């Protein structure tokens, strides 16, 4: 004989909230990482000879 229960069956939770939270954490972490990366290019002096201009 089968026992009948009136308890609701457990549904599987949607993974959408977890995925949205994961994407949000990755975006915030990526923004923080990009803000700390050193992207400054060292300055270099460029000299150009302008004394031999073409006279015409």
PDB file of N, CA and C in Angstrom:
ATOM      1  N   UNK A   1       0.820  -1.186   0.000  1.00  0.00           N
ATOM      2  CA  UNK A   1       0.000   0.000   0.000  1.00  0.00           C
ATOM      3  C   UNK A   1       0.864   1.250   0.000  1.00  0.00           C
ATOM      4  N   UNK A   2       0.421   2.210  -0.729  1.00  0.00           N
ATOM      5  CA  UNK A   2       1.182   3.446  -0.857  1.00  0.00           C
ATOM      6  C   UNK A   2       0.709   4.466   0.162  1.00  0.00           C
ATOM      7  N   UNK A   3       1.672   5.105   0.794  1.00  0.00           N
ATOM      8  CA  UNK A   3       1.321   6.147   1.767  1.00  0.00           C
ATOM      9  C   UNK A   3       1.122   7.459   1.035  1.00  0.00           C
ATOM     10  N   UNK A   4       0.111   8.156   1.371  1.00  0.00           N
ATOM     11  CA  UNK A   4      -0.132   9.458   0.754  1.00  0.00           C
ATOM     12  C   UNK A   4       0.327  10.541   1.703  1.00  0.00           C
ATOM     13  N   UNK A   5       1.048  11.485   1.149  1.00  0.00           N
ATOM     14  CA  UNK A   5       1.486  12.628   1.952  1.00  0.00           C
ATOM     15  C   UNK A   5       0.974  13.885   1.278  1.00  0.00           C
ATOM     16  N   UNK A   6       0.666  14.833   2.103  1.00  0.00           N
ATOM     17  CA  UNK A   6       0.166  16.101   1.580  1.00  0.00           C
ATOM     18  C   UNK A   6       1.247  17.176   1.578  1.00  0.00           C
ATOM     19  N   UNK A   7       2.461  16.791   1.851  1.00  0.00           N
ATOM     20  CA  UNK A   7       3.567  17.752   1.827  1.00  0.00           C
ATOM     21  C   UNK A   7       3.867  18.104   0.369  1.00  0.00           C
ATOM     22  N   UNK A   8       4.136  19.359   0.112  1.00  0.00           N
ATOM     23  CA  UNK A   8       4.429  19.743  -1.274  1.00  0.00           C
ATOM     24  C   UNK A   8       5.767  19.148  -1.719  1.00  0.00           C
ATOM     25  N   UNK A   9       5.835  18.808  -2.988  1.00  0.00           N
ATOM     26  CA  UNK A   9       7.087  18.284  -3.512  1.00  0.00           C
ATOM     27  C   UNK A   9       8.070  19.437  -3.656  1.00  0.00           C
ATOM     28  N   UNK A  10       9.327  19.155  -3.385  1.00  0.00           N
ATOM     29  CA  UNK A  10      10.351  20.203  -3.456  1.00  0.00           C
ATOM     30  C   UNK A  10      10.702  20.457  -4.913  1.00  0.00           C
ATOM     31  N   UNK A  11      10.668  21.693  -5.271  1.00  0.00           N
ATOM     32  CA  UNK A  11      11.060  22.065  -6.630  1.00  0.00           C
ATOM     33  C   UNK A  11      12.519  22.455  -6.648  1.00  0.00           C
ATOM     34  N   UNK A  12      13.131  22.248  -7.779  1.00  0.00           N
ATOM     35  CA  UNK A  12      14.521  22.658  -7.940  1.00  0.00           C
ATOM     36  C   UNK A  12      14.564  24.161  -8.140  1.00  0.00           C
ATOM     37  N   UNK A  13      15.479  24.808  -7.416  1.00  0.00           N
ATOM     38  CA  UNK A  13      15.576  26.260  -7.520  1.00  0.00           C
ATOM     39  C   UNK A  13      16.174  26.671  -8.858  1.00  0.00           C
ATOM     40  N   UNK A  14      15.759  27.806  -9.320  1.00  0.00           N
ATOM     41  CA  UNK A  14      16.268  28.328 -10.583  1.00  0.00           C
ATOM     42  C   UNK A  14      17.711  28.791 -10.394  1.00  0.00           C
ATOM     43  N   UNK A  15      18.600  28.507 -11.341  1.00  0.00           N
ATOM     44  CA  UNK A  15      19.992  28.954 -11.219  1.00  0.00           C
ATOM     45  C   UNK A  15      20.184  30.419 -11.616  1.00  0.00           C
ATOM     46  N   UNK A  16      19.128  31.080 -12.036  1.00  0.00           N
ATOM     47  CA  UNK A  16      19.260  32.451 -12.519  1.00  0.00           C
ATOM     48  C   UNK A  16      19.792  33.423 -11.455  1.00  0.00           C
ATOM     49  N   UNK A  17      19.293  33.442 -10.232  1.00  0.00           N
ATOM     50  CA  UNK A  17      19.853  34.385  -9.246  1.00  0.00           C
ATOM     51  C   UNK A  17      21.336  34.131  -8.975  1.00  0.00           C
ATOM     52  N   UNK A  18      21.738  32.872  -8.915  1.00  0.00           N
ATOM     53  CA  UNK A  18      23.148  32.565  -8.697  1.00  0.00           C
ATOM     54  C   UNK A  18      23.998  33.049  -9.868  1.00  0.00           C
ATOM     55  N   UNK A  19      23.536  32.853 -11.094  1.00  0.00           N
ATOM     56  CA  UNK A  19      24.296  33.291 -12.266  1.00  0.00           C
ATOM     57  C   UNK A  19      24.408  34.809 -12.323  1.00  0.00           C
ATOM     58  N   UNK A  20      23.321  35.504 -11.999  1.00  0.00           N
ATOM     59  CA  UNK A  20      23.372  36.967 -11.996  1.00  0.00           C
ATOM     60  C   UNK A  20      24.341  37.476 -10.937  1.00  0.00           C
ATOM     61  N   UNK A  21      24.334  36.861  -9.766  1.00  0.00           N
ATOM     62  CA  UNK A  21      25.261  37.252  -8.711  1.00  0.00           C
ATOM     63  C   UNK A  21      26.700  36.980  -9.130  1.00  0.00           C
ATOM     64  N   UNK A  22      26.937  35.858  -9.779  1.00  0.00           N
ATOM     65  CA  UNK A  22      28.276  35.525 -10.252  1.00  0.00           C
ATOM     66  C   UNK A  22      28.766  36.534 -11.292  1.00  0.00           C
ATOM     67  N   UNK A  23      27.909  36.913 -12.228  1.00  0.00           N
ATOM     68  CA  UNK A  23      28.279  37.907 -13.249  1.00  0.00           C
ATOM     69  C   UNK A  23      28.565  39.255 -12.590  1.00  0.00           C
ATOM     70  N   UNK A  24      27.763  39.636 -11.619  1.00  0.00           N
ATOM     71  CA  UNK A  24      27.972  40.906 -10.921  1.00  0.00           C
ATOM     72  C   UNK A  24      29.308  40.909 -10.189  1.00  0.00           C
ATOM     73  N   UNK A  25      29.623  39.819  -9.500  1.00  0.00           N
ATOM     74  CA  UNK A  25      30.898  39.734  -8.780  1.00  0.00           C
ATOM     75  C   UNK A  25      32.067  39.773  -9.758  1.00  0.00           C
ATOM     76  N   UNK A  26      31.946  39.088 -10.884  1.00  0.00           N
ATOM     77  CA  UNK A  26      33.024  39.109 -11.880  1.00  0.00           C
ATOM     78  C   UNK A  26      33.219  40.500 -12.472  1.00  0.00           C
ATOM     79  N   UNK A  27      32.129  41.208 -12.733  1.00  0.00           N
ATOM     80  CA  UNK A  27      32.240  42.568 -13.280  1.00  0.00           C
ATOM     81  C   UNK A  27      32.905  43.514 -12.285  1.00  0.00           C
ATOM     82  N   UNK A  28      32.498  43.427 -11.036  1.00  0.00           N
ATOM     83  CA  UNK A  28      33.087  44.298 -10.014  1.00  0.00           C
ATOM     84  C   UNK A  28      34.560  43.948  -9.817  1.00  0.00           C
ATOM     85  N   UNK A  29      34.867  42.656  -9.765  1.00  0.00           N
ATOM     86  CA  UNK A  29      36.264  42.239  -9.624  1.00  0.00           C
ATOM     87  C   UNK A  29      37.112  42.663 -10.808  1.00  0.00           C
ATOM     88  N   UNK A  30      36.568  42.545 -12.013  1.00  0.00           N
ATOM     89  CA  UNK A  30      37.305  42.980 -13.201  1.00  0.00           C
ATOM     90  C   UNK A  30      37.533  44.480 -13.228  1.00  0.00           C
ATOM     91  N   UNK A  31      36.550  45.241 -12.788  1.00  0.00           N
ATOM     92  CA  UNK A  31      36.711  46.703 -12.741  1.00  0.00           C
ATOM     93  C   UNK A  31      37.776  47.097 -11.724  1.00  0.00           C
ATOM     94  N   UNK A  32      37.786  46.428 -10.588  1.00  0.00           N
ATOM     95  CA  UNK A  32      38.805  46.728  -9.572  1.00  0.00           C
ATOM     96  C   UNK A  32      40.180  46.339 -10.085  1.00  0.00           C
ATOM     97  N   UNK A  33      40.278  45.194 -10.742  1.00  0.00           N
ATOM     98  CA  UNK A  33      41.576  44.763 -11.272  1.00  0.00           C
ATOM     99  C   UNK A  33      42.072  45.735 -12.347  1.00  0.00           C
ATOM    100  N   UNK A  34      41.177  46.161 -13.241  1.00  0.00           N
ATOM    101  CA  UNK A  34      41.595  47.096 -14.291  1.00  0.00           C
ATOM    102  C   UNK A  34      42.015  48.440 -13.716  1.00  0.00           C
ATOM    103  N   UNK A  35      41.422  48.837 -12.606  1.00  0.00           N
ATOM    104  CA  UNK A  35      41.786  50.125 -12.018  1.00  0.00           C
ATOM    105  C   UNK A  35      43.143  50.063 -11.323  1.00  0.00           C
ATOM    106  N   UNK A  36      43.636  48.863 -11.024  1.00  0.00           N
ATOM    107  CA  UNK A  36      44.925  48.758 -10.341  1.00  0.00           C
ATOM    108  C   UNK A  36      46.068  48.399 -11.276  1.00  0.00           C
ATOM    109  N   UNK A  37      45.790  48.075 -12.529  1.00  0.00           N
ATOM    110  CA  UNK A  37      46.845  47.692 -13.473  1.00  0.00           C
ATOM    111  C   UNK A  37      47.620  48.943 -13.883  1.00  0.00           C
ATOM    112  N   UNK A  38      48.934  48.828 -13.892  1.00  0.00           N
ATOM    113  CA  UNK A  38      49.785  49.951 -14.273  1.00  0.00           C
ATOM    114  C   UNK A  38      49.862  50.016 -15.798  1.00  0.00           C
ATOM    115  N   UNK A  39      49.231  51.013 -16.390  1.00  0.00           N
ATOM    116  CA  UNK A  39      49.223  51.144 -17.846  1.00  0.00           C
ATOM    117  C   UNK A  39      49.987  52.377 -18.328  1.00  0.00           C
ATOM    118  N   UNK A  40      50.653  53.059 -17.407  1.00  0.00           N
ATOM    119  CA  UNK A  40      51.353  54.280 -17.797  1.00  0.00           C
ATOM    120  C   UNK A  40      52.607  53.925 -18.594  1.00  0.00           C
ATOM    121  N   UNK A  41      52.770  54.599 -19.730  1.00  0.00           N
ATOM    122  CA  UNK A  41      53.932  54.382 -20.588  1.00  0.00           C
ATOM    123  C   UNK A  41      55.013  55.370 -20.166  1.00  0.00           C
ATOM    124  N   UNK A  42      56.243  54.905 -19.957  1.00  0.00           N
ATOM    125  CA  UNK A  42      57.298  55.828 -19.564  1.00  0.00           C
ATOM    126  C   UNK A  42      57.563  56.851 -20.663  1.00  0.00           C
ATOM    127  N   UNK A  43      57.838  58.072 -20.237  1.00  0.00           N
ATOM    128  CA  UNK A  43      58.083  59.143 -21.209  1.00  0.00           C
ATOM    129  C   UNK A  43      59.459  58.976 -21.823  1.00  0.00           C
ATOM    130  N   UNK A  44      59.556  59.283 -23.109  1.00  0.00           N
ATOM    131  CA  UNK A  44      60.848  59.265 -23.787  1.00  0.00           C
ATOM    132  C   UNK A  44      60.975  60.555 -24.583  1.00  0.00           C
ATOM    133  N   UNK A  45      62.180  61.070 -24.627  1.00  0.00           N
ATOM    134  CA  UNK A  45      62.424  62.334 -25.317  1.00  0.00           C
ATOM    135  C   UNK A  45      62.645  62.061 -26.800  1.00  0.00           C
ATOM    136  N   UNK A  46      61.931  62.793 -27.621  1.00  0.00           N
ATOM    137  CA  UNK A  46      62.062  62.656 -29.070  1.00  0.00           C
ATOM    138  C   UNK A  46      62.664  63.947 -29.596  1.00  0.00           C
ATOM    139  N   UNK A  47      63.810  63.816 -30.242  1.00  0.00           N
ATOM    140  CA  UNK A  47      64.462  64.993 -30.821  1.00  0.00           C
ATOM    141  C   UNK A  47      64.427  64.873 -32.332  1.00  0.00           C
ATOM    142  N   UNK A  48      64.092  65.983 -32.977  1.00  0.00           N
ATOM    143  CA  UNK A  48      64.018  65.994 -34.427  1.00  0.00           C
ATOM    144  C   UNK A  48      64.860  67.154 -34.943  1.00  0.00           C
ATOM    145  N   UNK A  49      65.658  66.888 -35.948  1.00  0.00           N
ATOM    146  CA  UNK A  49      66.501  67.921 -36.532  1.00  0.00           C
ATOM    147  C   UNK A  49      65.661  68.781 -37.475  1.00  0.00           C
ATOM    148  N   UNK A  50      65.546  70.076 -37.165  1.00  0.00           N
ATOM    149  CA  UNK A  50      64.757  70.988 -37.991  1.00  0.00           C
ATOM    150  C   UNK A  50      65.621  72.039 -38.677  1.00  0.00           C
ATOM    151  N   UNK A  51      66.949  71.889 -38.627  1.00  0.00           N
ATOM    152  CA  UNK A  51      67.845  72.892 -39.218  1.00  0.00           C
ATOM    153  C   UNK A  51      68.006  72.690 -40.721  1.00  0.00           C
ATOM    154  N   UNK A  52      67.747  71.520 -41.249  1.00  0.00           N
ATOM    155  CA  UNK A  52      67.947  71.245 -42.673  1.00  0.00           C
ATOM    156  C   UNK A  52      66.642  71.261 -43.430  1.00  0.00           C
ATOM    157  N   UNK A  53      65.819  72.263 -43.203  1.00  0.00           N
ATOM    158  CA  UNK A  53      64.545  72.352 -43.921  1.00  0.00           C
ATOM    159  C   UNK A  53      64.826  72.681 -45.383  1.00  0.00           C
ATOM    160  N   UNK A  54      63.965  72.198 -46.263  1.00  0.00           N
ATOM    161  CA  UNK A  54      64.110  72.449 -47.692  1.00  0.00           C
ATOM    162  C   UNK A  54      63.736  73.905 -47.964  1.00  0.00           C
ATOM    163  N   UNK A  55      64.641  74.621 -48.642  1.00  0.00           N
ATOM    164  CA  UNK A  55      64.362  76.015 -48.985  1.00  0.00           C
ATOM    165  C   UNK A  55      63.949  76.061 -50.448  1.00  0.00           C
ATOM    166  N   UNK A  56      62.878  76.752 -50.679  1.00  0.00           N
ATOM    167  CA  UNK A  56      62.435  76.721 -52.056  1.00  0.00           C
ATOM    168  C   UNK A  56      61.825  77.946 -52.435  1.00  0.00           C
TER     169      UNK A  56
END
